[in-house]
N, C-alpha and C. Protein backbone atom coordinates (compact mmCIF):
# COMPACT_ATOMS: atom_id res chain seq x y z
N MET A 1 35.80 14.20 27.49
CA MET A 1 34.50 14.24 26.72
C MET A 1 34.70 12.92 26.11
N THR A 2 33.81 12.09 25.93
CA THR A 2 33.70 11.02 24.86
C THR A 2 32.61 11.25 23.76
N LEU A 3 32.82 11.31 22.60
CA LEU A 3 32.40 11.12 21.64
C LEU A 3 32.22 9.40 20.71
N ASN A 4 30.39 9.25 20.39
CA ASN A 4 30.62 8.30 19.56
C ASN A 4 31.56 8.02 18.09
N ALA A 5 31.22 7.30 17.66
CA ALA A 5 31.74 7.51 16.42
C ALA A 5 31.26 8.21 15.42
N ASP A 6 29.75 8.01 15.89
CA ASP A 6 29.30 9.20 14.38
C ASP A 6 29.59 10.68 14.91
N GLU A 7 29.46 11.06 16.32
CA GLU A 7 29.93 12.41 16.79
C GLU A 7 31.17 12.27 16.08
N ARG A 8 32.28 11.75 16.33
CA ARG A 8 33.45 12.11 16.13
C ARG A 8 33.98 12.31 14.61
N GLU A 9 33.20 11.55 13.95
CA GLU A 9 33.19 11.42 12.03
C GLU A 9 32.31 12.51 11.57
N LEU A 10 31.28 12.90 12.25
CA LEU A 10 30.63 14.00 12.03
C LEU A 10 31.32 15.44 12.23
N LEU A 11 31.68 15.73 13.05
CA LEU A 11 32.44 16.77 14.51
C LEU A 11 34.26 16.95 12.62
N ARG A 12 34.55 15.76 12.77
CA ARG A 12 35.73 15.92 11.68
C ARG A 12 35.39 16.47 10.36
N ARG A 13 34.56 16.48 9.94
CA ARG A 13 34.08 16.89 8.52
C ARG A 13 33.56 17.85 8.36
N ILE A 14 32.85 18.44 9.52
CA ILE A 14 32.78 20.35 9.72
C ILE A 14 33.51 21.09 10.21
N SER A 15 34.32 20.12 10.71
CA SER A 15 35.96 20.60 11.60
C SER A 15 36.80 20.96 9.66
N GLU A 16 36.79 19.96 9.31
CA GLU A 16 37.79 20.09 7.84
C GLU A 16 36.92 20.71 6.83
N SER A 17 35.71 21.09 6.76
CA SER A 17 35.10 22.35 5.61
C SER A 17 35.62 23.48 5.58
N GLY A 18 36.23 24.19 7.18
CA GLY A 18 36.36 25.68 6.82
C GLY A 18 35.36 26.30 6.65
N LYS A 19 34.25 26.04 6.42
CA LYS A 19 33.02 26.90 6.14
C LYS A 19 31.89 26.52 6.64
N PRO A 20 30.53 27.47 7.19
CA PRO A 20 30.14 26.76 7.18
C PRO A 20 28.82 25.66 6.45
N VAL A 21 28.29 24.62 7.26
CA VAL A 21 27.52 23.43 6.70
C VAL A 21 26.62 23.21 7.21
N ASP A 22 25.76 22.14 6.25
CA ASP A 22 24.62 21.70 7.05
C ASP A 22 25.26 19.99 7.76
N PRO A 23 25.30 19.58 8.68
CA PRO A 23 25.94 18.78 8.54
C PRO A 23 25.09 17.83 7.67
N PRO A 24 23.79 17.75 7.48
CA PRO A 24 23.03 16.47 7.13
C PRO A 24 23.62 16.24 5.62
N GLU A 25 24.22 17.38 4.93
CA GLU A 25 24.93 17.01 4.02
C GLU A 25 26.24 15.73 4.24
N TYR A 26 26.58 15.59 5.66
CA TYR A 26 27.42 14.10 5.24
C TYR A 26 27.09 13.05 5.59
N PHE A 27 25.74 13.05 5.08
CA PHE A 27 25.23 11.52 6.14
C PHE A 27 25.37 10.68 5.52
N HIS A 28 24.80 10.93 3.69
CA HIS A 28 24.95 9.68 2.98
C HIS A 28 26.43 9.28 2.83
N SER A 29 27.82 10.09 2.51
CA SER A 29 28.88 9.45 2.71
C SER A 29 29.42 9.02 4.03
N ILE A 30 28.72 9.22 5.02
CA ILE A 30 29.33 8.64 6.59
C ILE A 30 29.01 7.29 6.39
N HIS A 31 27.59 7.23 5.95
CA HIS A 31 26.65 5.78 6.11
C HIS A 31 26.06 5.32 4.77
N PRO A 32 26.68 5.13 3.61
CA PRO A 32 25.68 5.29 2.53
C PRO A 32 24.81 3.95 2.45
N PRO A 33 23.62 3.95 1.60
CA PRO A 33 22.93 3.28 1.27
C PRO A 33 23.67 1.95 1.15
N ASN A 34 23.29 1.12 1.60
CA ASN A 34 23.64 -0.42 0.71
C ASN A 34 22.73 -1.33 0.54
N PHE A 35 21.66 -0.95 -0.08
CA PHE A 35 20.38 -1.61 -1.08
C PHE A 35 20.37 -0.87 -1.98
N PRO A 36 19.59 -1.68 -3.15
CA PRO A 36 18.95 -1.06 -4.15
C PRO A 36 17.99 -0.12 -3.86
N ALA A 37 18.08 1.07 -4.70
CA ALA A 37 16.99 2.08 -4.77
C ALA A 37 15.35 1.20 -4.71
N SER A 38 15.37 0.29 -5.57
CA SER A 38 14.01 -0.86 -5.70
C SER A 38 13.36 -1.38 -4.22
N ALA A 39 14.27 -1.38 -3.29
CA ALA A 39 13.93 -2.41 -2.00
C ALA A 39 12.64 -1.28 -0.92
N ALA A 40 12.29 -2.97 -0.51
CA ALA A 40 11.10 -2.75 -0.10
C ALA A 40 11.20 -1.64 1.36
N GLU A 41 10.37 -0.64 1.81
CA GLU A 41 10.41 -0.17 2.82
C GLU A 41 10.36 -0.61 4.04
N ASP A 42 10.16 -1.88 4.60
CA ASP A 42 10.61 -2.83 5.28
C ASP A 42 11.53 -3.79 5.14
N ASP A 43 12.58 -3.93 3.60
CA ASP A 43 14.17 -4.32 3.72
C ASP A 43 14.33 -3.87 4.79
N PRO A 44 15.45 -5.10 5.67
CA PRO A 44 15.77 -5.10 6.81
C PRO A 44 17.06 -3.89 6.74
N ARG A 45 17.64 -4.17 5.27
CA ARG A 45 19.12 -3.07 5.00
C ARG A 45 18.73 -1.33 4.70
N ARG A 46 17.17 -1.67 4.49
CA ARG A 46 16.94 -0.22 4.21
C ARG A 46 16.46 0.39 5.93
N GLU A 47 15.76 -0.81 6.75
CA GLU A 47 15.58 -0.12 7.90
C GLU A 47 16.79 -0.20 8.84
N ALA A 48 17.86 -0.98 8.37
CA ALA A 48 19.12 -0.56 9.45
C ALA A 48 20.10 0.81 8.99
N TRP A 49 19.47 1.04 7.31
CA TRP A 49 20.83 2.47 7.26
C TRP A 49 19.37 3.37 7.77
N VAL A 50 18.49 3.45 7.68
CA VAL A 50 17.53 4.68 8.29
C VAL A 50 17.96 4.77 9.53
N GLU A 51 18.23 3.51 10.52
CA GLU A 51 18.38 4.15 12.00
C GLU A 51 19.80 4.80 12.25
N LEU A 52 20.16 4.20 10.96
CA LEU A 52 22.16 5.03 11.02
C LEU A 52 21.91 6.38 10.67
N GLN A 53 21.18 6.70 9.75
CA GLN A 53 20.55 8.37 9.92
C GLN A 53 20.44 9.08 10.67
N MET A 54 19.28 8.23 11.11
CA MET A 54 18.85 9.06 12.99
C MET A 54 19.73 9.27 13.41
N ASN A 55 20.72 8.42 13.78
CA ASN A 55 21.83 8.60 14.60
C ASN A 55 22.67 9.28 14.60
N LEU A 56 22.47 9.94 13.00
CA LEU A 56 23.54 10.92 12.74
C LEU A 56 22.77 12.22 13.13
N TYR A 57 21.83 12.36 12.82
CA TYR A 57 20.79 13.56 13.24
C TYR A 57 20.92 14.05 14.77
N ARG A 58 20.93 12.45 15.98
CA ARG A 58 21.23 12.67 17.59
C ARG A 58 22.29 13.17 17.64
N ALA A 59 23.19 12.74 16.66
CA ALA A 59 24.53 13.22 17.07
C ALA A 59 25.49 14.54 16.52
N CYS A 60 24.10 14.97 15.80
CA CYS A 60 24.29 16.77 15.55
C CYS A 60 23.47 17.27 16.73
N ILE A 61 22.59 17.10 17.05
CA ILE A 61 21.79 17.54 18.57
C ILE A 61 22.77 17.37 19.77
N ARG A 62 23.43 16.35 19.66
CA ARG A 62 24.27 15.73 20.69
C ARG A 62 25.84 17.07 21.07
N LEU A 63 26.36 17.26 19.34
CA LEU A 63 27.40 18.16 19.38
C LEU A 63 27.21 19.60 19.85
N HIS A 64 25.83 19.94 19.39
CA HIS A 64 25.20 21.40 19.44
C HIS A 64 25.41 21.33 20.89
N GLU A 65 24.31 20.54 21.58
CA GLU A 65 24.07 20.14 23.37
C GLU A 65 25.46 20.39 23.73
N LEU A 66 26.63 19.83 23.58
CA LEU A 66 28.28 19.67 23.93
C LEU A 66 28.66 21.00 23.81
N GLY A 67 28.40 22.18 22.91
CA GLY A 67 29.23 23.21 22.48
C GLY A 67 30.01 22.74 21.84
N LEU A 68 30.32 21.83 20.98
CA LEU A 68 31.27 21.64 20.20
C LEU A 68 31.14 22.13 18.73
N VAL A 69 29.81 22.40 18.26
CA VAL A 69 29.33 23.22 16.88
C VAL A 69 28.50 24.32 17.07
N LYS A 70 28.10 25.37 16.40
CA LYS A 70 27.30 26.25 16.72
C LYS A 70 27.08 27.00 15.44
N VAL A 71 25.51 27.51 15.55
CA VAL A 71 25.22 27.93 14.48
C VAL A 71 24.96 29.04 14.30
N VAL A 72 25.34 29.29 12.83
CA VAL A 72 26.16 30.81 11.81
C VAL A 72 24.95 31.36 11.00
N HIS A 73 23.90 30.77 11.00
CA HIS A 73 22.95 30.81 9.79
C HIS A 73 22.24 29.85 10.01
N PRO A 74 20.97 30.19 10.75
CA PRO A 74 19.67 29.29 11.21
C PRO A 74 19.08 29.09 9.60
N ALA A 75 18.45 28.06 10.06
CA ALA A 75 18.00 27.40 8.63
C ALA A 75 16.73 28.45 7.80
N ASN A 76 16.18 28.38 6.92
CA ASN A 76 15.62 29.87 5.92
C ASN A 76 14.22 28.68 5.40
N GLY A 77 13.92 27.41 5.41
CA GLY A 77 13.11 26.98 4.88
C GLY A 77 13.52 26.60 3.04
N GLU A 78 15.14 26.66 3.05
CA GLU A 78 15.54 26.42 1.53
C GLU A 78 16.79 25.35 2.12
N ARG A 79 17.31 25.53 3.51
CA ARG A 79 18.02 24.66 3.74
C ARG A 79 18.66 24.53 5.25
N GLY A 80 18.81 23.67 5.89
CA GLY A 80 19.07 23.46 7.45
C GLY A 80 20.41 24.58 8.40
N ASP A 81 19.96 24.65 8.99
CA ASP A 81 20.80 25.46 9.49
C ASP A 81 22.33 24.94 9.57
N LEU A 82 23.59 26.47 9.10
CA LEU A 82 24.71 25.97 8.93
C LEU A 82 25.30 26.35 10.29
N VAL A 83 26.33 25.53 10.41
CA VAL A 83 27.49 25.37 11.73
C VAL A 83 28.94 25.23 11.47
N VAL A 84 29.38 25.62 12.53
CA VAL A 84 30.77 25.58 12.35
C VAL A 84 31.19 25.02 13.66
N VAL A 85 32.09 24.82 13.62
CA VAL A 85 32.98 24.00 15.24
C VAL A 85 33.14 25.21 15.85
N THR A 86 33.34 24.77 17.37
CA THR A 86 34.03 26.03 18.16
C THR A 86 35.01 25.71 18.67
N GLU A 87 35.94 26.31 19.22
CA GLU A 87 36.89 26.42 20.24
C GLU A 87 36.88 25.05 20.81
N ALA A 88 36.06 24.81 21.74
CA ALA A 88 35.97 23.25 22.23
C ALA A 88 36.17 22.04 21.43
N SER A 89 35.53 21.84 20.02
CA SER A 89 35.54 21.19 19.17
C SER A 89 37.22 20.74 18.89
N ARG A 90 37.63 21.31 19.17
CA ARG A 90 39.25 20.95 18.56
C ARG A 90 40.25 20.24 19.64
N ALA A 91 39.68 20.36 21.05
CA ALA A 91 40.50 19.55 21.90
C ALA A 91 38.78 18.38 21.98
N ALA A 92 38.08 18.07 21.99
CA ALA A 92 37.52 16.86 21.45
C ALA A 92 37.99 15.66 20.73
N LEU A 93 38.30 16.47 19.25
CA LEU A 93 38.91 16.22 18.36
C LEU A 93 40.15 15.23 18.81
N ALA A 94 41.54 15.98 19.79
CA ALA A 94 42.44 15.78 20.06
C ALA A 94 42.54 14.11 20.14
């Protein structure tokens, strides 16, 4: 199974957490903003960063579809789904 860089990094961080986590908690540390907060909505740096964030959401979905993470606490309106790695994820990270 081949994971892209975002999928691998997200899976690694979830694996290292040792507890159920909401994956978007890692998004800003994986791809930190590289523009000032005052940047316009159509600033190319902001638009590129938004695309990186969307790719991380896609990575979350793919990790779930591949059976590498599982939801242990569904979203409750205050936070997103909390996930943990599965046994299959250990092989994917090797």
